[in-house]
Amino acid sequence: MKALKLTQTENQEKEEIFLDRLNRPETIEGSLGEIDVIDIEPYSRKSQVPVLFVGGWSESPKSLTEAIKEANLSGYRTIAFSTEPKPVEPMQNIGKYQSARAVALLDVIDNRGLDRVDVIAHSQGAINAIAAAAVEPEKFRNIVLIAPAGMIGQDSKSALIGRFGKKLARDYREMLYIPEIRRTQIEGTKYLLKHNLEAVREALELASARIDDSLDYLKKKGVRVSIIQSHSDTVFPADRIEENVDLSDYGYNVAAYASIADRKAGHDRLIKKHAISAGKAALQMIEQFND
């Protein structure tokens, strides 16, 4: 079903409703504690399968405002969540804190009463989404990973800290004139101050997490995984991700792979300043593989 073409007034009304819902999350009780959830219906549904957003480290639904809005105004029911970092028994190839977020993701799907979802996951969220899908693949149709963590092969905590340092130096320059980056830095700082060592431990788990080993399994289970990357991503470099992506005719482990053309589009820009272009690309990947 195609989304209805809206008038300017209707678009404005829909955007106001969207922002109101975004700023008033519902708190649900998950298996590991409270989860804040936003669940926003579109003006007219384009698909019966909702799009669930999974943010990166410290990212709340507000951090993903532009990307979520792009999907919602395109006719998709959009869902996103946030929860506090906490350790649980680790799943295969990922750490305790990443596993807890994968559990929270599955809790959200169950709470919303959903049979299947399409997922758009950014950075750390890629680890959480792939881990959750490996546990219950029948609940996932498409997963689009944007600037994914867990895909660059062997890594170390010191190397990860160094790459994040370069990113932060760039962010602090850009936040002066890019509102989306400024908002991200403010939210990240609040997250770190609130959760202290728990937040640091969660971030450092990204160095040892591996999700590329799960791609073949998910393919066999009918879950279509696609990737969007940027050549300017210094946190999880595109060339190292490409080493773990197989696009051959017979052995492929991802359904599609794309890079944002803008060479300045770094790690967070893909889901912030370039949210509209990255969001449209993600939705196109989902739509081309729809059942």
Protein backbone atom coordinates (compact mmCIF):
# COMPACT_ATOMS: atom_id res chain seq x y z
CA MET A 1 0.00 0.00 0.00
CA LYS A 2 1.44 3.37 -0.98
CA ALA A 3 1.55 6.19 1.52
CA LEU A 4 -0.88 8.99 0.71
CA LYS A 5 0.55 12.21 -0.69
CA LEU A 6 0.02 14.86 1.96
CA THR A 7 -0.69 18.55 1.64
CA GLN A 8 1.67 21.04 3.26
CA THR A 9 -0.75 21.55 6.14
CA GLU A 10 -1.15 17.81 6.67
CA ASN A 11 2.61 17.34 6.60
CA GLN A 12 3.02 20.03 9.24
CA GLU A 13 0.32 18.49 11.41
CA LYS A 14 1.86 15.05 11.04
CA GLU A 15 5.30 16.37 11.97
CA GLU A 16 3.89 18.05 15.08
CA ILE A 17 2.21 14.78 16.10
CA PHE A 18 5.44 12.90 15.42
CA LEU A 19 7.53 15.25 17.59
CA ASP A 20 4.94 15.10 20.37
CA ARG A 21 5.06 11.28 20.41
CA LEU A 22 8.85 11.29 20.19
CA ASN A 23 9.06 13.45 23.32
CA ARG A 24 6.61 11.30 25.30
CA PRO A 25 7.97 7.75 25.41
CA GLU A 26 6.04 4.96 27.08
CA THR A 27 7.87 3.13 29.86
CA ILE A 28 7.45 -0.64 29.77
CA GLU A 29 8.77 -3.33 32.09
CA GLY A 30 11.28 -5.55 30.29
CA SER A 31 12.84 -8.74 31.57
CA LEU A 32 15.89 -6.76 32.80
CA GLY A 33 14.20 -3.55 33.90
CA GLU A 34 12.44 -0.50 32.50
CA ILE A 35 12.57 0.35 28.79
CA ASP A 36 11.43 3.66 27.29
CA VAL A 37 9.63 3.04 24.00
CA ILE A 38 8.27 5.27 21.27
CA ASP A 39 5.78 3.73 18.85
CA ILE A 40 4.47 6.11 16.21
CA GLU A 41 1.86 5.30 13.58
CA PRO A 42 2.20 6.92 10.14
CA TYR A 43 -0.45 9.03 8.47
CA SER A 44 -1.04 6.11 6.09
CA ARG A 45 0.69 2.76 6.36
CA LYS A 46 2.95 1.69 3.51
CA SER A 47 3.69 -1.67 5.13
CA GLN A 48 2.17 -3.82 7.85
CA VAL A 49 5.67 -4.60 9.10
CA PRO A 50 6.99 -1.79 11.34
CA VAL A 51 10.51 -0.37 11.26
CA LEU A 52 12.33 -0.68 14.56
CA PHE A 53 15.33 1.58 15.15
CA VAL A 54 18.24 0.45 17.31
CA GLY A 55 20.60 3.26 18.25
CA GLY A 56 24.31 3.23 18.95
CA TRP A 57 26.15 3.79 22.22
CA SER A 58 24.41 6.47 24.32
CA GLU A 59 21.85 7.13 21.55
CA SER A 60 18.22 7.62 22.54
CA PRO A 61 15.32 7.86 20.07
CA LYS A 62 15.82 11.64 20.15
CA SER A 63 19.35 11.11 18.80
CA LEU A 64 17.77 9.45 15.76
CA THR A 65 15.02 12.02 15.24
CA GLU A 66 15.73 12.75 11.57
CA ALA A 67 16.07 9.10 10.55
CA ILE A 68 12.96 8.02 12.46
CA LYS A 69 10.95 10.92 11.05
CA GLU A 70 12.02 10.03 7.50
CA ALA A 71 10.66 6.50 7.95
CA ASN A 72 7.48 7.63 9.69
CA LEU A 73 6.59 10.28 7.12
CA SER A 74 7.33 7.69 4.39
CA GLY A 75 4.46 5.57 5.71
CA TYR A 76 6.07 3.24 8.24
CA ARG A 77 5.06 2.58 11.80
CA THR A 78 8.26 3.47 13.64
CA ILE A 79 9.46 2.09 16.94
CA ALA A 80 12.57 2.93 18.95
CA PHE A 81 13.70 2.41 22.52
CA SER A 82 16.29 3.26 25.15
CA THR A 83 17.36 1.53 28.32
CA GLU A 84 20.09 1.78 30.92
CA PRO A 85 23.33 -0.21 30.53
CA LYS A 86 23.40 -3.39 32.59
CA PRO A 87 25.32 -6.69 32.40
CA VAL A 88 23.76 -10.11 31.79
CA GLU A 89 25.01 -13.55 30.81
CA PRO A 90 26.79 -12.87 27.49
CA MET A 91 25.51 -14.24 24.20
CA GLN A 92 27.87 -15.78 21.68
CA ASN A 93 30.60 -13.39 20.39
CA ILE A 94 29.30 -10.31 22.24
CA GLY A 95 29.69 -8.93 25.75
CA LYS A 96 27.43 -8.69 28.79
CA TYR A 97 26.16 -5.16 28.14
CA GLN A 98 25.56 -5.74 24.43
CA SER A 99 23.63 -8.90 25.29
CA ALA A 100 21.39 -6.95 27.65
CA ARG A 101 20.46 -4.55 24.85
CA ALA A 102 19.68 -7.50 22.56
CA VAL A 103 17.35 -8.83 25.26
CA ALA A 104 15.71 -5.40 25.55
CA LEU A 105 15.15 -5.34 21.78
CA LEU A 106 13.34 -8.69 21.93
CA ASP A 107 11.33 -7.45 24.92
CA VAL A 108 10.14 -4.47 22.87
CA ILE A 109 9.06 -6.71 19.99
CA ASP A 110 7.12 -8.94 22.40
CA ASN A 111 5.57 -5.99 24.25
CA ARG A 112 4.29 -4.49 20.98
CA GLY A 113 2.80 -7.86 19.98
CA LEU A 114 4.72 -7.96 16.70
CA ASP A 115 5.15 -11.04 14.53
CA ARG A 116 8.00 -9.58 12.44
CA VAL A 117 9.95 -6.35 12.18
CA ASP A 118 12.31 -4.59 9.82
CA VAL A 119 15.27 -3.09 11.68
CA ILE A 120 17.51 -0.10 11.01
CA ALA A 121 20.46 -0.23 13.40
CA HIS A 122 23.30 2.25 13.86
CA SER A 123 26.81 1.55 15.18
CA GLN A 124 26.55 -0.44 18.45
CA GLY A 125 22.91 -1.11 17.57
CA ALA A 126 24.10 -3.44 14.80
CA ILE A 127 25.54 -5.78 17.44
CA ASN A 128 22.31 -5.74 19.43
CA ALA A 129 20.10 -6.30 16.37
CA ILE A 130 22.15 -9.18 14.91
CA ALA A 131 22.44 -10.88 18.32
CA ALA A 132 18.69 -10.62 18.88
CA ALA A 133 17.95 -11.94 15.39
CA ALA A 134 20.29 -14.89 15.94
CA VAL A 135 18.21 -15.84 18.99
CA GLU A 136 14.76 -15.40 17.36
CA PRO A 137 15.28 -15.09 13.58
CA GLU A 138 11.62 -15.68 12.83
CA LYS A 139 10.82 -12.21 14.22
CA PHE A 140 13.10 -10.36 11.78
CA ARG A 141 12.55 -9.76 8.06
CA ASN A 142 15.15 -7.17 7.05
CA ILE A 143 18.02 -5.67 9.05
CA VAL A 144 19.86 -2.64 7.68
CA LEU A 145 23.11 -1.89 9.48
CA ILE A 146 24.36 1.70 9.27
CA ALA A 147 28.05 2.21 10.15
CA PRO A 148 27.99 -1.10 12.04
CA ALA A 149 30.16 -2.09 14.97
CA GLY A 150 31.27 -5.71 15.20
CA MET A 151 32.17 -5.99 11.52
CA ILE A 152 35.86 -5.01 11.31
CA GLY A 153 37.46 -8.25 12.49
CA GLN A 154 40.15 -8.34 15.15
CA ASP A 155 40.26 -5.21 17.29
CA SER A 156 41.56 -4.02 20.66
CA LYS A 157 40.32 -1.65 23.35
CA SER A 158 43.29 0.67 22.90
CA ALA A 159 42.75 0.86 19.12
CA LEU A 160 39.02 1.48 19.63
CA ILE A 161 39.74 4.29 22.11
CA GLY A 162 42.15 5.86 19.62
CA ARG A 163 39.59 5.80 16.81
CA PHE A 164 36.87 7.22 19.06
CA GLY A 165 39.30 9.95 20.07
CA LYS A 166 39.71 11.00 16.43
CA LYS A 167 35.94 10.99 16.00
CA LEU A 168 35.41 13.14 19.10
CA ALA A 169 38.00 15.67 17.93
CA ARG A 170 36.10 16.00 14.65
CA ASP A 171 32.75 16.12 16.44
CA TYR A 172 33.80 18.96 18.71
CA ARG A 173 34.76 21.00 15.66
CA GLU A 174 31.56 20.19 13.79
CA MET A 175 29.18 20.64 16.72
CA LEU A 176 29.72 24.39 16.44
CA TYR A 177 27.80 24.49 13.16
CA ILE A 178 25.96 21.14 12.86
CA PRO A 179 23.01 20.97 15.33
CA GLU A 180 22.58 17.21 14.96
CA ILE A 181 26.19 16.55 16.00
CA ARG A 182 25.84 19.01 18.88
CA ARG A 183 22.76 17.20 20.15
CA THR A 184 24.58 13.86 19.91
CA GLN A 185 27.53 15.15 21.94
CA ILE A 186 25.25 16.56 24.63
CA GLU A 187 23.32 13.30 24.95
CA GLY A 188 26.52 11.26 24.96
CA THR A 189 27.98 13.40 27.74
CA LYS A 190 24.79 13.08 29.82
CA TYR A 191 24.81 9.31 29.31
CA LEU A 192 28.44 9.05 30.43
CA LEU A 193 27.92 11.26 33.48
CA LYS A 194 24.81 9.32 34.51
CA HIS A 195 26.15 5.81 34.07
CA ASN A 196 29.89 6.34 34.59
CA LEU A 197 31.84 3.04 34.54
CA GLU A 198 28.87 1.04 33.27
CA ALA A 199 28.74 3.25 30.15
CA VAL A 200 32.51 2.91 29.64
CA ARG A 201 32.42 -0.88 29.99
CA GLU A 202 29.54 -1.04 27.53
CA ALA A 203 31.50 1.00 24.96
CA LEU A 204 34.70 -1.02 25.38
CA GLU A 205 32.81 -4.24 24.61
CA LEU A 206 32.60 -3.03 21.01
CA ALA A 207 36.26 -3.97 20.55
CA SER A 208 35.65 -7.69 21.08
CA ALA A 209 32.16 -8.06 19.59
CA ARG A 210 31.86 -10.00 16.30
CA ILE A 211 28.66 -10.19 14.29
CA ASP A 212 29.98 -11.13 10.84
CA ASP A 213 30.02 -14.77 11.92
CA SER A 214 26.23 -14.64 12.32
CA LEU A 215 25.45 -13.36 8.82
CA ASP A 216 25.52 -16.75 7.08
CA TYR A 217 23.26 -18.20 9.77
CA LEU A 218 20.73 -15.39 9.40
CA LYS A 219 20.79 -15.75 5.63
CA LYS A 220 19.86 -19.43 6.00
CA LYS A 221 17.04 -18.42 8.32
CA GLY A 222 15.65 -15.99 5.74
CA VAL A 223 16.73 -12.76 7.46
CA ARG A 224 18.05 -10.27 4.90
CA VAL A 225 20.94 -8.15 6.19
CA SER A 226 22.15 -5.05 4.34
CA ILE A 227 24.88 -2.53 5.16
CA ILE A 228 25.29 1.21 4.60
CA GLN A 229 28.71 2.66 5.28
CA SER A 230 30.79 5.78 4.77
CA HIS A 231 34.33 5.91 3.44
CA SER A 232 35.06 8.64 6.01
CA ASP A 233 34.06 6.57 9.05
CA THR A 234 37.14 6.52 11.28
CA VAL A 235 35.49 4.50 14.06
CA PHE A 236 34.61 1.41 12.04
CA PRO A 237 36.44 1.91 8.73
CA ALA A 238 34.70 0.88 5.53
CA ASP A 239 37.70 -1.00 4.13
CA ARG A 240 37.85 -3.24 7.19
CA ILE A 241 34.11 -3.90 7.07
CA GLU A 242 34.36 -4.79 3.39
CA GLU A 243 36.87 -7.51 4.27
CA ASN A 244 34.07 -9.31 6.10
CA VAL A 245 31.35 -8.73 3.51
CA ASP A 246 30.78 -11.32 0.81
CA LEU A 247 28.77 -10.11 -2.20
CA SER A 248 29.66 -12.95 -4.56
CA ASP A 249 26.84 -14.60 -6.49
CA TYR A 250 27.02 -17.86 -4.59
CA GLY A 251 28.52 -17.05 -1.23
CA TYR A 252 27.06 -13.70 -0.28
CA ASN A 253 26.42 -13.04 3.41
CA VAL A 254 24.63 -9.69 2.96
CA ALA A 255 21.73 -8.81 0.69
CA ALA A 256 23.06 -5.36 -0.24
CA TYR A 257 25.99 -3.06 0.50
CA ALA A 258 26.23 0.68 -0.13
CA SER A 259 28.40 3.65 0.77
CA ILE A 260 27.20 7.23 1.13
CA ALA A 261 28.70 9.27 -1.71
CA ASP A 262 29.57 12.30 0.42
CA ARG A 263 33.18 11.76 1.45
CA LYS A 264 32.67 13.91 4.55
CA ALA A 265 29.95 11.66 5.92
CA GLY A 266 31.64 10.17 8.96
CA HIS A 267 30.39 7.72 11.59
CA ASP A 268 27.56 9.70 13.21
CA ARG A 269 26.75 11.83 10.19
CA LEU A 270 25.16 8.84 8.48
CA ILE A 271 22.34 8.79 10.98
CA LYS A 272 22.40 12.50 11.92
CA LYS A 273 23.28 15.14 9.30
CA HIS A 274 22.88 12.62 6.45
CA ALA A 275 19.84 11.00 8.04
CA ILE A 276 17.52 11.73 5.12
CA SER A 277 19.79 10.23 2.45
CA ALA A 278 20.88 7.33 4.66
CA GLY A 279 17.30 6.81 5.81
CA LYS A 280 15.98 6.72 2.26
CA ALA A 281 18.72 4.27 1.26
CA ALA A 282 17.84 2.03 4.21
CA LEU A 283 14.14 2.10 3.34
CA GLN A 284 14.93 1.29 -0.30
CA MET A 285 16.91 -1.73 0.85
CA ILE A 286 13.96 -2.86 2.94
CA GLU A 287 11.42 -2.25 0.19
CA GLN A 288 13.31 -4.08 -2.54
CA PHE A 289 13.29 -7.26 -0.45
CA ASN A 290 9.72 -7.05 0.82
CA ASP A 291 7.73 -10.25 0.75
